[in-house]
């Protein structure tokens, strides 16, 4: 598998994602600066990591979504290749139109950082197959703008098309329909607010996100 991680000014989970991928695949992913205009050749996977992209003070992910590299990321999606946006990466994916809805201020109007139980709504996607028959997992969240919002029509479409992949069992931020992660209609682009990259190390017993990276390695 060949993977790339997009690095924005303020990204702070890019190395976590790189370490998790390397742990699963044995290969070091490419780190691509946001100002680049092209992605490396023959990529299977692009990850937009968590952190705080530049311009978040305007609206989370709004300026990062207009970085030069995002045109190449959109082409990658159009080709049917895999993209995962985690936390701030999810915000960027909604801002650039690759996923519907928006990520808004948490209903409590404060930053939330804690482990959250998640229902695995779909175990048949490129991002979740390694979870097998597991009904749920636990991953940490760390966000102030983590409340997924979409209008009623969009929510009905997401639910009707089976595009909700992860759902909060203890909704920390007020997300619509308890949505924690979703995919696009084609199934190759996923956005999620919880952090699989912060819980993918069997050596320390933090394995809630291990299946996520195993799934990506197998799919690619």
N, C-alpha and C. Protein backbone atom coordinates (compact mmCIF):
# COMPACT_ATOMS: atom_id res chain seq x y z
N UNK A 1 0.85 -1.20 0.00
CA UNK A 1 0.00 0.00 0.00
C UNK A 1 0.88 1.24 0.00
N UNK A 2 0.53 2.20 -0.83
CA UNK A 2 1.23 3.48 -0.81
C UNK A 2 0.25 4.55 -0.34
N UNK A 3 0.64 5.26 0.71
CA UNK A 3 -0.24 6.24 1.33
C UNK A 3 0.47 7.58 1.47
N UNK A 4 -0.33 8.63 1.54
CA UNK A 4 0.19 9.98 1.78
C UNK A 4 -0.66 10.64 2.85
N UNK A 5 -0.02 11.46 3.65
CA UNK A 5 -0.70 12.23 4.68
C UNK A 5 -0.49 13.71 4.37
N UNK A 6 -1.59 14.44 4.27
CA UNK A 6 -1.51 15.87 3.99
C UNK A 6 -1.23 16.62 5.28
N UNK A 7 -0.21 17.48 5.24
CA UNK A 7 0.20 18.23 6.43
C UNK A 7 -0.14 19.70 6.23
N UNK A 8 -1.02 20.21 7.08
CA UNK A 8 -1.39 21.61 7.08
C UNK A 8 -0.64 22.33 8.20
N UNK A 9 -0.47 23.65 8.11
CA UNK A 9 0.09 24.37 9.25
C UNK A 9 -0.83 24.19 10.46
N UNK A 10 -0.33 23.61 11.52
CA UNK A 10 -1.14 23.35 12.69
C UNK A 10 -1.54 21.89 12.86
N UNK A 11 -1.32 21.05 11.82
CA UNK A 11 -1.61 19.63 11.99
C UNK A 11 -0.79 19.10 13.17
N UNK A 12 -1.42 18.34 14.04
CA UNK A 12 -0.65 17.76 15.15
C UNK A 12 -0.87 16.26 15.32
N UNK A 13 -1.61 15.67 14.37
CA UNK A 13 -1.82 14.23 14.43
C UNK A 13 -1.27 13.54 13.18
N UNK A 14 -0.52 14.28 12.36
CA UNK A 14 0.04 13.69 11.15
C UNK A 14 1.02 12.57 11.46
N UNK A 15 1.84 12.77 12.51
CA UNK A 15 2.81 11.74 12.87
C UNK A 15 2.13 10.53 13.50
N UNK A 16 1.05 10.77 14.24
CA UNK A 16 0.28 9.65 14.79
C UNK A 16 -0.26 8.77 13.67
N UNK A 17 -0.80 9.42 12.63
CA UNK A 17 -1.33 8.65 11.50
C UNK A 17 -0.21 7.90 10.78
N UNK A 18 0.92 8.57 10.60
CA UNK A 18 2.04 7.93 9.92
C UNK A 18 2.54 6.72 10.69
N UNK A 19 2.66 6.87 12.01
CA UNK A 19 3.12 5.76 12.84
C UNK A 19 2.15 4.59 12.81
N UNK A 20 0.86 4.89 12.85
CA UNK A 20 -0.16 3.83 12.82
C UNK A 20 -0.11 3.08 11.50
N UNK A 21 0.00 3.80 10.39
CA UNK A 21 0.08 3.15 9.09
C UNK A 21 1.33 2.30 8.97
N UNK A 22 2.46 2.83 9.44
CA UNK A 22 3.71 2.10 9.35
C UNK A 22 3.66 0.84 10.23
N UNK A 23 3.00 0.95 11.37
CA UNK A 23 2.88 -0.20 12.27
C UNK A 23 2.10 -1.33 11.60
N UNK A 24 1.07 -0.97 10.83
CA UNK A 24 0.22 -1.98 10.19
C UNK A 24 0.83 -2.50 8.90
N UNK A 25 1.41 -1.61 8.09
CA UNK A 25 1.85 -1.99 6.75
C UNK A 25 3.35 -2.25 6.62
N UNK A 26 4.13 -1.71 7.56
CA UNK A 26 5.57 -1.82 7.43
C UNK A 26 6.16 -0.82 6.46
N UNK A 27 5.33 0.08 5.94
CA UNK A 27 5.79 1.08 4.98
C UNK A 27 5.55 2.48 5.51
N UNK A 28 6.49 3.38 5.22
CA UNK A 28 6.39 4.76 5.67
C UNK A 28 5.60 5.58 4.66
N UNK A 29 4.52 6.23 5.07
CA UNK A 29 3.75 7.04 4.12
C UNK A 29 4.46 8.32 3.74
N UNK A 30 4.09 8.88 2.60
CA UNK A 30 4.61 10.18 2.18
C UNK A 30 3.92 11.28 2.97
N UNK A 31 4.69 12.28 3.40
CA UNK A 31 4.13 13.45 4.07
C UNK A 31 4.09 14.57 3.04
N UNK A 32 2.90 15.06 2.72
CA UNK A 32 2.72 16.03 1.63
C UNK A 32 2.27 17.37 2.22
N UNK A 33 3.08 18.40 2.01
CA UNK A 33 2.77 19.75 2.50
C UNK A 33 1.59 20.32 1.73
N UNK A 34 0.74 21.06 2.42
CA UNK A 34 -0.52 21.52 1.84
C UNK A 34 -0.34 22.44 0.63
N UNK A 35 0.81 23.07 0.49
CA UNK A 35 1.04 23.99 -0.62
C UNK A 35 1.46 23.28 -1.91
N UNK A 36 1.68 21.97 -1.84
CA UNK A 36 2.01 21.22 -3.06
C UNK A 36 0.78 21.21 -3.99
N UNK A 37 1.03 21.05 -5.27
CA UNK A 37 -0.07 21.04 -6.24
C UNK A 37 -0.33 19.65 -6.81
N UNK A 38 0.47 18.68 -6.39
CA UNK A 38 0.29 17.31 -6.90
C UNK A 38 0.57 16.32 -5.78
N UNK A 39 -0.02 15.14 -5.91
CA UNK A 39 0.24 14.04 -5.00
C UNK A 39 1.26 13.09 -5.61
N UNK A 40 1.95 12.32 -4.79
CA UNK A 40 2.85 11.30 -5.34
C UNK A 40 2.09 10.33 -6.24
N UNK A 41 2.81 9.73 -7.17
CA UNK A 41 2.18 8.79 -8.12
C UNK A 41 1.73 7.52 -7.42
N UNK A 42 0.71 6.90 -8.00
CA UNK A 42 0.24 5.56 -7.62
C UNK A 42 -0.14 5.45 -6.15
N UNK A 43 -0.80 6.45 -5.64
CA UNK A 43 -1.25 6.41 -4.25
C UNK A 43 -2.52 5.57 -4.13
N UNK A 44 -2.61 4.79 -3.07
CA UNK A 44 -3.82 4.07 -2.74
C UNK A 44 -4.69 4.85 -1.76
N UNK A 45 -4.04 5.61 -0.88
CA UNK A 45 -4.74 6.23 0.25
C UNK A 45 -4.19 7.61 0.55
N UNK A 46 -5.09 8.55 0.85
CA UNK A 46 -4.73 9.87 1.35
C UNK A 46 -5.43 10.07 2.69
N UNK A 47 -4.68 10.52 3.69
CA UNK A 47 -5.26 10.84 4.99
C UNK A 47 -5.11 12.33 5.26
N UNK A 48 -6.20 12.97 5.64
CA UNK A 48 -6.18 14.34 6.14
C UNK A 48 -6.27 14.23 7.67
N UNK A 49 -5.20 14.56 8.39
CA UNK A 49 -5.14 14.27 9.82
C UNK A 49 -5.80 15.35 10.67
N UNK A 50 -5.86 15.07 11.96
CA UNK A 50 -6.41 16.02 12.91
C UNK A 50 -5.40 17.07 13.32
N UNK A 51 -5.88 18.02 14.07
CA UNK A 51 -5.04 19.13 14.51
C UNK A 51 -5.80 20.43 14.35
N UNK A 52 -5.08 21.46 14.00
CA UNK A 52 -5.71 22.77 13.84
C UNK A 52 -5.14 23.42 12.58
N UNK A 53 -5.82 23.21 11.46
CA UNK A 53 -5.34 23.78 10.21
C UNK A 53 -5.39 25.31 10.26
N UNK A 54 -4.51 25.95 9.51
CA UNK A 54 -4.50 27.40 9.48
C UNK A 54 -5.87 27.92 9.04
N UNK A 55 -6.27 29.04 9.62
CA UNK A 55 -7.54 29.64 9.25
C UNK A 55 -8.73 29.10 9.99
N UNK A 56 -8.52 28.20 10.96
CA UNK A 56 -9.64 27.65 11.71
C UNK A 56 -10.40 28.72 12.49
N UNK A 57 -9.74 29.85 12.74
CA UNK A 57 -10.42 30.92 13.48
C UNK A 57 -11.57 31.51 12.67
N UNK A 58 -11.54 31.33 11.35
CA UNK A 58 -12.65 31.79 10.51
C UNK A 58 -13.80 30.77 10.57
N UNK A 59 -13.46 29.52 10.29
CA UNK A 59 -14.38 28.39 10.36
C UNK A 59 -13.52 27.15 10.16
N UNK A 60 -13.66 26.18 11.02
CA UNK A 60 -12.74 25.04 10.99
C UNK A 60 -12.68 24.38 9.62
N UNK A 61 -11.47 24.33 9.07
CA UNK A 61 -11.24 23.69 7.78
C UNK A 61 -11.51 24.55 6.57
N UNK A 62 -12.05 25.75 6.77
CA UNK A 62 -12.50 26.56 5.64
C UNK A 62 -11.35 26.99 4.72
N UNK A 63 -10.25 27.47 5.31
CA UNK A 63 -9.12 27.90 4.49
C UNK A 63 -8.30 26.70 4.01
N UNK A 64 -8.15 25.70 4.89
CA UNK A 64 -7.39 24.51 4.50
C UNK A 64 -8.02 23.82 3.30
N UNK A 65 -9.34 23.86 3.21
CA UNK A 65 -10.04 23.24 2.08
C UNK A 65 -9.70 23.89 0.75
N UNK A 66 -9.12 25.08 0.81
CA UNK A 66 -8.74 25.81 -0.41
C UNK A 66 -7.23 25.81 -0.63
N UNK A 67 -6.53 24.97 0.09
CA UNK A 67 -5.10 24.81 -0.13
C UNK A 67 -4.83 24.23 -1.52
N UNK A 68 -3.70 24.55 -2.13
CA UNK A 68 -3.41 24.05 -3.48
C UNK A 68 -3.53 22.54 -3.63
N UNK A 69 -3.10 21.78 -2.63
CA UNK A 69 -3.10 20.32 -2.76
C UNK A 69 -4.50 19.73 -2.84
N UNK A 70 -5.52 20.48 -2.40
CA UNK A 70 -6.86 19.90 -2.34
C UNK A 70 -7.44 19.60 -3.71
N UNK A 71 -7.00 20.28 -4.75
CA UNK A 71 -7.47 19.93 -6.09
C UNK A 71 -6.99 18.53 -6.46
N UNK A 72 -5.76 18.21 -6.08
CA UNK A 72 -5.24 16.86 -6.34
C UNK A 72 -5.96 15.83 -5.48
N UNK A 73 -6.32 16.21 -4.25
CA UNK A 73 -7.07 15.32 -3.37
C UNK A 73 -8.44 15.02 -3.98
N UNK A 74 -9.09 16.03 -4.53
CA UNK A 74 -10.39 15.82 -5.16
C UNK A 74 -10.27 14.89 -6.37
N UNK A 75 -9.21 15.04 -7.15
CA UNK A 75 -9.01 14.14 -8.29
C UNK A 75 -8.80 12.71 -7.82
N UNK A 76 -8.06 12.57 -6.71
CA UNK A 76 -7.84 11.26 -6.11
C UNK A 76 -9.18 10.61 -5.75
N UNK A 77 -10.07 11.40 -5.18
CA UNK A 77 -11.41 10.89 -4.84
C UNK A 77 -12.20 10.53 -6.09
N UNK A 78 -12.13 11.37 -7.11
CA UNK A 78 -12.86 11.12 -8.36
C UNK A 78 -12.41 9.83 -9.04
N UNK A 79 -11.16 9.45 -8.80
CA UNK A 79 -10.62 8.22 -9.37
C UNK A 79 -11.03 6.99 -8.57
N UNK A 80 -11.76 7.20 -7.48
CA UNK A 80 -12.23 6.08 -6.68
C UNK A 80 -11.23 5.58 -5.66
N UNK A 81 -10.18 6.34 -5.43
CA UNK A 81 -9.17 5.94 -4.45
C UNK A 81 -9.59 6.39 -3.05
N UNK A 82 -8.95 5.82 -2.04
CA UNK A 82 -9.39 6.02 -0.67
C UNK A 82 -8.91 7.33 -0.07
N UNK A 83 -9.80 7.98 0.68
CA UNK A 83 -9.47 9.19 1.44
C UNK A 83 -10.12 9.05 2.81
N UNK A 84 -9.35 9.36 3.85
CA UNK A 84 -9.88 9.39 5.21
C UNK A 84 -9.53 10.75 5.83
N UNK A 85 -10.55 11.42 6.35
CA UNK A 85 -10.35 12.68 7.06
C UNK A 85 -10.70 12.49 8.52
N UNK A 86 -9.74 12.74 9.40
CA UNK A 86 -9.93 12.52 10.83
C UNK A 86 -9.96 13.86 11.55
N UNK A 87 -11.00 14.12 12.31
CA UNK A 87 -11.15 15.34 13.11
C UNK A 87 -11.05 16.58 12.21
N UNK A 88 -9.98 17.32 12.28
CA UNK A 88 -9.85 18.48 11.40
C UNK A 88 -9.93 18.07 9.93
N UNK A 89 -9.45 16.87 9.62
CA UNK A 89 -9.55 16.37 8.25
C UNK A 89 -10.99 16.19 7.82
N UNK A 90 -11.87 15.78 8.74
CA UNK A 90 -13.30 15.67 8.46
C UNK A 90 -13.87 17.05 8.16
N UNK A 91 -13.47 18.03 8.94
CA UNK A 91 -13.92 19.40 8.72
C UNK A 91 -13.51 19.89 7.33
N UNK A 92 -12.28 19.58 6.93
CA UNK A 92 -11.79 19.98 5.61
C UNK A 92 -12.60 19.30 4.51
N UNK A 93 -12.92 18.02 4.69
CA UNK A 93 -13.68 17.30 3.66
C UNK A 93 -15.07 17.86 3.47
N UNK A 94 -15.72 18.31 4.55
CA UNK A 94 -17.03 18.93 4.38
C UNK A 94 -16.90 20.31 3.74
N UNK A 95 -15.86 21.04 4.10
CA UNK A 95 -15.67 22.38 3.55
C UNK A 95 -15.35 22.36 2.05
N UNK A 96 -14.69 21.30 1.59
CA UNK A 96 -14.34 21.25 0.16
C UNK A 96 -15.40 20.51 -0.65
N UNK A 97 -16.45 20.02 0.00
CA UNK A 97 -17.56 19.43 -0.72
C UNK A 97 -17.45 17.93 -0.99
N UNK A 98 -16.41 17.27 -0.47
CA UNK A 98 -16.29 15.84 -0.68
C UNK A 98 -17.23 15.05 0.24
N UNK A 99 -17.69 15.69 1.32
CA UNK A 99 -18.69 15.09 2.19
C UNK A 99 -19.75 16.13 2.52
N UNK A 100 -20.97 15.72 2.80
CA UNK A 100 -22.04 16.68 3.10
C UNK A 100 -22.01 17.15 4.55
N UNK A 101 -22.82 18.15 4.84
CA UNK A 101 -22.96 18.63 6.21
C UNK A 101 -21.86 19.60 6.61
N UNK A 102 -21.80 19.86 7.91
CA UNK A 102 -20.79 20.78 8.45
C UNK A 102 -20.47 20.37 9.88
N UNK A 103 -19.30 20.77 10.35
CA UNK A 103 -18.90 20.54 11.73
C UNK A 103 -18.95 21.87 12.46
N UNK A 104 -19.76 21.94 13.49
CA UNK A 104 -20.03 23.19 14.19
C UNK A 104 -19.54 23.12 15.63
N UNK A 105 -19.67 24.24 16.35
CA UNK A 105 -19.26 24.28 17.75
C UNK A 105 -20.02 23.23 18.55
N UNK A 106 -19.30 22.60 19.47
CA UNK A 106 -19.96 21.64 20.35
C UNK A 106 -21.10 22.31 21.09
N UNK A 107 -22.15 21.54 21.35
CA UNK A 107 -23.32 22.12 21.99
C UNK A 107 -22.98 22.69 23.37
N UNK A 108 -21.96 22.14 24.03
CA UNK A 108 -21.54 22.65 25.34
C UNK A 108 -20.66 23.89 25.22
N UNK A 109 -20.29 24.25 23.97
CA UNK A 109 -19.46 25.44 23.71
C UNK A 109 -18.10 25.36 24.41
N UNK A 110 -17.55 24.14 24.46
CA UNK A 110 -16.21 23.99 25.04
C UNK A 110 -15.50 22.81 24.37
N UNK A 111 -14.19 22.81 24.51
CA UNK A 111 -13.36 21.74 23.96
C UNK A 111 -13.60 20.46 24.77
N UNK A 112 -13.74 19.33 24.07
CA UNK A 112 -13.99 18.05 24.72
C UNK A 112 -12.88 17.08 24.33
N UNK A 113 -12.26 16.46 25.34
CA UNK A 113 -11.20 15.48 25.10
C UNK A 113 -11.41 14.30 26.04
N UNK A 114 -11.89 13.18 25.50
CA UNK A 114 -12.11 11.99 26.32
C UNK A 114 -12.41 10.80 25.42
N UNK A 115 -12.33 9.60 25.98
CA UNK A 115 -12.69 8.40 25.26
C UNK A 115 -14.21 8.32 25.12
N UNK A 116 -14.64 7.85 23.94
CA UNK A 116 -16.07 7.77 23.64
C UNK A 116 -16.39 6.40 23.04
N UNK A 117 -17.42 5.72 23.53
CA UNK A 117 -17.84 4.48 22.89
C UNK A 117 -18.57 4.77 21.57
N UNK A 118 -18.27 3.95 20.57
CA UNK A 118 -18.83 4.14 19.23
C UNK A 118 -19.47 2.86 18.73
N UNK A 119 -20.65 2.97 18.17
CA UNK A 119 -21.25 1.85 17.46
C UNK A 119 -20.66 1.80 16.06
N UNK A 120 -20.29 0.60 15.62
CA UNK A 120 -19.81 0.40 14.25
C UNK A 120 -21.04 0.07 13.41
N UNK A 121 -21.56 1.07 12.73
CA UNK A 121 -22.80 0.92 11.98
C UNK A 121 -22.60 0.11 10.70
N UNK A 122 -21.40 0.24 10.11
CA UNK A 122 -21.10 -0.48 8.87
C UNK A 122 -19.75 -1.17 9.04
N UNK A 123 -19.76 -2.49 8.99
CA UNK A 123 -18.51 -3.25 9.08
C UNK A 123 -18.13 -3.82 7.72
N UNK A 124 -18.72 -3.26 6.66
CA UNK A 124 -18.47 -3.76 5.31
C UNK A 124 -17.84 -2.70 4.41
N UNK A 125 -17.22 -1.69 5.01
CA UNK A 125 -16.59 -0.65 4.22
C UNK A 125 -15.07 -0.85 4.19
N UNK A 126 -14.41 -0.12 3.31
CA UNK A 126 -12.95 -0.19 3.23
C UNK A 126 -12.28 0.28 4.51
N UNK A 127 -13.03 0.98 5.36
CA UNK A 127 -12.48 1.57 6.57
C UNK A 127 -12.78 0.75 7.83
N UNK A 128 -13.63 -0.27 7.70
CA UNK A 128 -14.10 -0.97 8.90
C UNK A 128 -14.13 -2.49 8.80
N UNK A 129 -13.76 -3.08 7.68
CA UNK A 129 -13.93 -4.53 7.53
C UNK A 129 -13.17 -5.34 8.57
N UNK A 130 -12.04 -4.83 9.03
CA UNK A 130 -11.24 -5.59 9.99
C UNK A 130 -11.91 -5.70 11.36
N UNK A 131 -12.93 -4.90 11.59
CA UNK A 131 -13.65 -5.03 12.86
C UNK A 131 -14.54 -6.27 12.89
N UNK A 132 -14.78 -6.87 11.72
CA UNK A 132 -15.57 -8.09 11.66
C UNK A 132 -16.94 -7.89 12.26
N UNK A 133 -17.29 -8.76 13.20
CA UNK A 133 -18.61 -8.69 13.80
C UNK A 133 -18.68 -7.85 15.06
N UNK A 134 -17.61 -7.10 15.37
CA UNK A 134 -17.63 -6.27 16.58
C UNK A 134 -18.71 -5.19 16.45
N UNK A 135 -19.61 -5.09 17.42
CA UNK A 135 -20.68 -4.09 17.32
C UNK A 135 -20.23 -2.68 17.69
N UNK A 136 -19.15 -2.57 18.45
CA UNK A 136 -18.73 -1.24 18.91
C UNK A 136 -17.25 -1.23 19.22
N UNK A 137 -16.74 -0.03 19.45
CA UNK A 137 -15.34 0.17 19.81
C UNK A 137 -15.26 1.45 20.63
N UNK A 138 -14.06 1.80 21.06
CA UNK A 138 -13.85 3.02 21.84
C UNK A 138 -12.69 3.80 21.22
N UNK A 139 -12.90 5.10 20.97
CA UNK A 139 -11.86 5.98 20.45
C UNK A 139 -11.96 7.31 21.17
N UNK A 140 -10.84 8.04 21.28
CA UNK A 140 -10.90 9.36 21.90
C UNK A 140 -11.36 10.43 20.92
N UNK A 141 -12.01 11.44 21.46
CA UNK A 141 -12.29 12.65 20.69
C UNK A 141 -11.48 13.79 21.30
N UNK A 142 -11.19 14.79 20.49
CA UNK A 142 -10.49 15.98 20.97
C UNK A 142 -10.84 17.13 20.05
N UNK A 143 -11.94 17.83 20.36
CA UNK A 143 -12.39 18.88 19.45
C UNK A 143 -13.25 19.91 20.17
N UNK A 144 -13.31 21.07 19.56
CA UNK A 144 -14.22 22.12 20.00
C UNK A 144 -15.31 22.37 18.99
N UNK A 145 -15.06 21.94 17.74
CA UNK A 145 -16.02 22.09 16.65
C UNK A 145 -16.32 20.71 16.08
N UNK A 146 -16.88 19.84 16.91
CA UNK A 146 -17.09 18.46 16.50
C UNK A 146 -18.53 18.09 16.27
N UNK A 147 -19.43 19.04 16.33
CA UNK A 147 -20.86 18.74 16.21
C UNK A 147 -21.26 18.65 14.74
N UNK A 148 -21.47 17.42 14.28
CA UNK A 148 -21.90 17.25 12.89
C UNK A 148 -23.33 17.74 12.74
N UNK A 149 -23.55 18.55 11.71
CA UNK A 149 -24.88 19.08 11.44
C UNK A 149 -25.20 18.92 9.96
N UNK A 150 -26.42 18.51 9.69
CA UNK A 150 -26.95 18.51 8.32
C UNK A 150 -28.45 18.73 8.41
N UNK A 151 -29.03 19.26 7.34
CA UNK A 151 -30.48 19.49 7.36
C UNK A 151 -31.22 18.16 7.28
N UNK A 152 -32.53 18.21 7.50
CA UNK A 152 -33.33 17.01 7.57
C UNK A 152 -33.27 16.16 6.31
N UNK A 153 -33.29 16.82 5.17
CA UNK A 153 -33.26 16.08 3.91
C UNK A 153 -31.94 15.33 3.75
N UNK A 154 -30.83 16.01 4.09
CA UNK A 154 -29.52 15.37 3.98
C UNK A 154 -29.40 14.22 4.96
N UNK A 155 -29.87 14.42 6.20
CA UNK A 155 -29.81 13.34 7.18
C UNK A 155 -30.62 12.13 6.73
N UNK A 156 -31.78 12.38 6.17
CA UNK A 156 -32.61 11.28 5.69
C UNK A 156 -31.89 10.51 4.59
N UNK A 157 -31.20 11.23 3.71
CA UNK A 157 -30.46 10.57 2.63
C UNK A 157 -29.30 9.76 3.19
N UNK A 158 -28.56 10.33 4.14
CA UNK A 158 -27.43 9.61 4.75
C UNK A 158 -27.90 8.32 5.41
N UNK A 159 -29.00 8.41 6.13
CA UNK A 159 -29.52 7.22 6.82
C UNK A 159 -30.09 6.22 5.81
N UNK A 160 -30.84 6.72 4.84
CA UNK A 160 -31.47 5.83 3.87
C UNK A 160 -30.47 5.11 2.98
N UNK A 161 -29.33 5.77 2.72
CA UNK A 161 -28.31 5.18 1.86
C UNK A 161 -27.27 4.40 2.66
N UNK A 162 -27.44 4.33 3.96
CA UNK A 162 -26.51 3.58 4.79
C UNK A 162 -25.11 4.15 4.82
N UNK A 163 -25.01 5.47 4.89
CA UNK A 163 -23.69 6.10 4.80
C UNK A 163 -23.11 6.49 6.17
N UNK A 164 -23.83 6.21 7.24
CA UNK A 164 -23.28 6.43 8.58
C UNK A 164 -22.45 5.21 8.95
N UNK A 165 -21.18 5.42 9.23
CA UNK A 165 -20.24 4.33 9.52
C UNK A 165 -20.02 4.17 11.02
N UNK A 166 -19.84 5.29 11.72
CA UNK A 166 -19.68 5.27 13.18
C UNK A 166 -20.74 6.18 13.80
N UNK A 167 -21.28 5.73 14.94
CA UNK A 167 -22.27 6.52 15.63
C UNK A 167 -21.93 6.58 17.12
N UNK A 168 -22.04 7.77 17.70
CA UNK A 168 -21.76 7.92 19.13
C UNK A 168 -22.78 7.14 19.96
N UNK A 169 -22.27 6.39 20.93
CA UNK A 169 -23.14 5.78 21.93
C UNK A 169 -23.31 6.71 23.13
N UNK A 170 -22.42 7.67 23.24
CA UNK A 170 -22.50 8.71 24.26
C UNK A 170 -22.10 10.01 23.58
N UNK A 171 -23.07 10.66 22.97
CA UNK A 171 -22.82 11.81 22.09
C UNK A 171 -22.21 12.97 22.89
N UNK A 172 -20.92 13.31 22.66
CA UNK A 172 -20.27 14.32 23.47
C UNK A 172 -20.47 15.75 22.98
N UNK A 173 -20.93 15.92 21.74
CA UNK A 173 -20.92 17.26 21.15
C UNK A 173 -22.25 17.69 20.54
N UNK A 174 -23.27 16.83 20.60
CA UNK A 174 -24.57 17.19 20.07
C UNK A 174 -24.75 16.93 18.59
N UNK A 175 -23.94 16.05 18.02
CA UNK A 175 -24.01 15.76 16.59
C UNK A 175 -25.39 15.25 16.18
N UNK A 176 -25.86 15.67 15.03
CA UNK A 176 -27.14 15.22 14.50
C UNK A 176 -27.14 13.70 14.36
N UNK A 177 -28.22 13.07 14.83
CA UNK A 177 -28.38 11.62 14.73
C UNK A 177 -27.21 10.85 15.35
N UNK A 178 -26.46 11.48 16.25
CA UNK A 178 -25.31 10.85 16.91
C UNK A 178 -24.22 10.44 15.92
N UNK A 179 -24.16 11.11 14.78
CA UNK A 179 -23.21 10.71 13.72
C UNK A 179 -21.78 11.09 14.11
N UNK A 180 -20.90 10.08 14.11
CA UNK A 180 -19.49 10.28 14.42
C UNK A 180 -18.60 10.12 13.19
N UNK A 181 -19.09 9.40 12.18
CA UNK A 181 -18.32 9.18 10.96
C UNK A 181 -19.22 8.73 9.83
N UNK A 182 -18.93 9.20 8.61
CA UNK A 182 -19.76 8.86 7.46
C UNK A 182 -18.92 8.76 6.20
N UNK A 183 -19.50 8.15 5.17
CA UNK A 183 -18.81 8.00 3.90
C UNK A 183 -19.59 8.70 2.79
N UNK A 184 -18.92 8.90 1.67
CA UNK A 184 -19.60 9.47 0.51
C UNK A 184 -20.40 8.37 -0.18
N UNK A 185 -21.14 8.73 -1.20
CA UNK A 185 -21.99 7.78 -1.88
C UNK A 185 -21.23 6.65 -2.53
N UNK A 186 -20.03 6.92 -2.98
CA UNK A 186 -19.22 5.90 -3.65
C UNK A 186 -18.53 4.97 -2.66
N UNK A 187 -18.42 5.43 -1.41
CA UNK A 187 -17.82 4.60 -0.36
C UNK A 187 -16.31 4.67 -0.25
N UNK A 188 -15.68 5.62 -0.95
CA UNK A 188 -14.21 5.69 -0.91
C UNK A 188 -13.69 6.89 -0.11
N UNK A 189 -14.59 7.74 0.39
CA UNK A 189 -14.19 8.90 1.19
C UNK A 189 -14.90 8.83 2.53
N UNK A 190 -14.13 8.86 3.60
CA UNK A 190 -14.70 8.81 4.95
C UNK A 190 -14.23 10.00 5.76
N UNK A 191 -15.14 10.56 6.55
CA UNK A 191 -14.79 11.57 7.54
C UNK A 191 -15.27 11.13 8.90
N UNK A 192 -14.46 11.34 9.93
CA UNK A 192 -14.84 10.96 11.28
C UNK A 192 -14.18 11.91 12.28
N UNK A 193 -14.91 12.22 13.36
CA UNK A 193 -14.35 13.08 14.39
C UNK A 193 -13.50 12.34 15.41
N UNK A 194 -13.85 11.14 15.85
CA UNK A 194 -12.97 10.41 16.78
C UNK A 194 -11.63 10.09 16.15
N UNK A 195 -10.64 9.80 16.98
CA UNK A 195 -9.26 9.61 16.55
C UNK A 195 -8.83 8.15 16.60
N UNK A 196 -8.91 7.40 15.50
CA UNK A 196 -8.33 6.05 15.50
C UNK A 196 -6.81 6.07 15.63
N UNK A 197 -6.19 7.16 15.19
CA UNK A 197 -4.73 7.28 15.24
C UNK A 197 -4.20 7.39 16.66
N UNK A 198 -5.04 7.73 17.61
CA UNK A 198 -4.61 7.86 19.00
C UNK A 198 -4.87 6.59 19.81
N UNK A 199 -5.37 5.57 19.15
CA UNK A 199 -5.67 4.33 19.87
C UNK A 199 -5.45 3.13 18.97
N UNK A 200 -4.26 3.05 18.36
CA UNK A 200 -3.95 1.97 17.43
C UNK A 200 -2.60 1.35 17.76
N UNK A 201 -2.35 1.12 19.04
CA UNK A 201 -1.07 0.54 19.47
C UNK A 201 -1.32 -0.60 20.44
N UNK A 202 -1.32 -1.84 19.95
CA UNK A 202 -1.56 -2.98 20.83
C UNK A 202 -0.55 -3.07 21.97
N UNK A 203 0.64 -2.52 21.78
CA UNK A 203 1.68 -2.62 22.81
C UNK A 203 1.29 -1.89 24.09
N UNK A 204 0.43 -0.88 23.97
CA UNK A 204 0.02 -0.15 25.17
C UNK A 204 -1.46 -0.37 25.47
N UNK A 205 -2.06 -1.31 24.76
CA UNK A 205 -3.46 -1.66 25.05
C UNK A 205 -4.49 -0.69 24.53
N UNK A 206 -4.10 0.20 23.64
CA UNK A 206 -5.04 1.15 23.06
C UNK A 206 -5.32 0.68 21.64
N UNK A 207 -6.41 -0.04 21.43
CA UNK A 207 -6.61 -0.72 20.15
C UNK A 207 -7.94 -0.40 19.47
N UNK A 208 -8.68 0.60 19.95
CA UNK A 208 -9.96 0.92 19.34
C UNK A 208 -9.85 1.31 17.87
N UNK A 209 -8.72 1.90 17.49
CA UNK A 209 -8.53 2.32 16.10
C UNK A 209 -7.71 1.35 15.28
N UNK A 210 -7.27 0.26 15.89
CA UNK A 210 -6.41 -0.70 15.20
C UNK A 210 -7.12 -1.29 13.98
N UNK A 211 -8.40 -1.62 14.14
CA UNK A 211 -9.14 -2.19 13.02
C UNK A 211 -9.29 -1.22 11.86
N UNK A 212 -9.34 0.06 12.16
CA UNK A 212 -9.45 1.08 11.11
C UNK A 212 -8.25 1.02 10.19
N UNK A 213 -7.04 0.98 10.74
CA UNK A 213 -5.83 0.97 9.92
C UNK A 213 -5.62 -0.40 9.27
N UNK A 214 -6.00 -1.47 9.95
CA UNK A 214 -5.95 -2.78 9.34
C UNK A 214 -6.88 -2.85 8.12
N UNK A 215 -8.04 -2.25 8.26
CA UNK A 215 -9.00 -2.25 7.16
C UNK A 215 -8.45 -1.51 5.96
N UNK A 216 -7.84 -0.37 6.19
CA UNK A 216 -7.27 0.42 5.09
C UNK A 216 -6.16 -0.34 4.39
N UNK A 217 -5.29 -1.00 5.17
CA UNK A 217 -4.20 -1.75 4.58
C UNK A 217 -4.73 -2.87 3.71
N UNK A 218 -5.77 -3.56 4.17
CA UNK A 218 -6.33 -4.66 3.41
C UNK A 218 -7.05 -4.17 2.15
N UNK A 219 -7.76 -3.06 2.28
CA UNK A 219 -8.51 -2.51 1.13
C UNK A 219 -7.58 -2.02 0.04
N UNK A 220 -6.49 -1.40 0.46
CA UNK A 220 -5.54 -0.85 -0.54
C UNK A 220 -4.73 -1.95 -1.18
